[in-house]
Amino acid sequence: NLQSIHGALLRMNRSIQAEGTFGIIKYDRRYKRIVRRGLDSVRVEIFLVSIGHNLYKIYNKQMRLREVA
């Protein structure tokens, strides 16, 4: 139930998580706008940006694990 206190906390947490990812992509990676035209090209561009973001996260996680070990 989204109207309960538990539901409100879940919604609040969800909004924070999504904003973090888009904020990193937009401001830290300086990706401001989609430059392709057409639905298929836009999908490919967003897909590539997402892959780049995920690879960056994996790389940083591996580096942190190496520092600990």
Protein backbone atom coordinates (compact mmCIF):
# COMPACT_ATOMS: atom_id res chain seq x y z
CA ASN A 1 0.00 0.00 0.00
CA LEU A 2 1.61 3.23 -1.16
CA GLN A 3 -0.38 5.34 1.29
CA SER A 4 1.12 3.65 4.36
CA ILE A 5 4.22 4.88 6.17
CA HIS A 6 6.20 1.94 4.78
CA GLY A 7 5.08 2.81 1.25
CA ALA A 8 6.07 6.45 1.71
CA LEU A 9 9.55 5.40 2.84
CA LEU A 10 9.93 3.10 -0.16
CA ARG A 11 8.92 5.91 -2.55
CA MET A 12 11.32 8.33 -0.91
CA ASN A 13 14.21 5.85 -1.15
CA ARG A 14 13.41 5.10 -4.78
CA SER A 15 13.51 8.77 -5.78
CA ILE A 16 16.89 9.23 -4.11
CA GLN A 17 18.42 6.23 -5.87
CA ALA A 18 17.28 7.25 -9.35
CA GLU A 19 18.44 10.84 -8.95
CA GLY A 20 21.91 9.70 -7.93
CA THR A 21 22.46 7.72 -11.12
CA PHE A 22 21.17 10.45 -13.44
CA GLY A 23 23.11 13.08 -11.52
CA ILE A 24 26.34 11.17 -11.96
CA ILE A 25 25.73 10.66 -15.67
CA LYS A 26 24.70 14.26 -16.29
CA TYR A 27 27.15 16.22 -14.17
CA ASP A 28 30.14 14.00 -13.39
CA ARG A 29 30.31 12.53 -16.92
CA ARG A 30 29.22 15.80 -18.59
CA TYR A 31 26.53 14.03 -20.61
CA LYS A 32 23.94 16.74 -21.14
CA ARG A 33 21.86 15.75 -24.13
CA ILE A 34 21.12 13.05 -26.64
CA VAL A 35 22.66 13.92 -30.00
CA ARG A 36 21.14 11.16 -32.15
CA ARG A 37 17.84 11.29 -33.99
CA GLY A 38 15.34 8.50 -34.33
CA LEU A 39 14.08 6.11 -31.72
CA ASP A 40 16.52 3.30 -32.52
CA SER A 41 19.54 5.62 -32.46
CA VAL A 42 18.44 7.18 -29.18
CA ARG A 43 18.04 3.74 -27.62
CA VAL A 44 21.53 2.74 -28.73
CA GLU A 45 23.00 5.97 -27.36
CA ILE A 46 21.34 5.58 -23.97
CA PHE A 47 22.34 1.91 -23.94
CA LEU A 48 26.00 2.85 -24.53
CA VAL A 49 25.93 5.54 -21.83
CA SER A 50 24.41 3.02 -19.41
CA ILE A 51 27.05 0.42 -20.24
CA GLY A 52 29.77 3.00 -19.67
CA HIS A 53 28.29 3.92 -16.29
CA ASN A 54 28.04 0.28 -15.21
CA LEU A 55 31.61 -0.50 -16.35
CA TYR A 56 32.85 2.49 -14.36
CA LYS A 57 31.06 1.19 -11.26
CA ILE A 58 32.51 -2.31 -11.71
CA TYR A 59 36.02 -0.92 -12.18
CA ASN A 60 35.78 1.23 -9.04
CA LYS A 61 34.47 -1.70 -7.02
CA GLN A 62 37.39 -3.88 -8.14
CA MET A 63 39.88 -1.14 -7.25
CA ARG A 64 38.37 -0.76 -3.77
CA LEU A 65 38.59 -4.53 -3.23
CA ARG A 66 42.26 -4.53 -4.28
CA GLU A 67 43.06 -1.76 -1.81
CA VAL A 68 41.49 -3.72 1.03
CA ALA A 69 43.28 -6.97 0.16
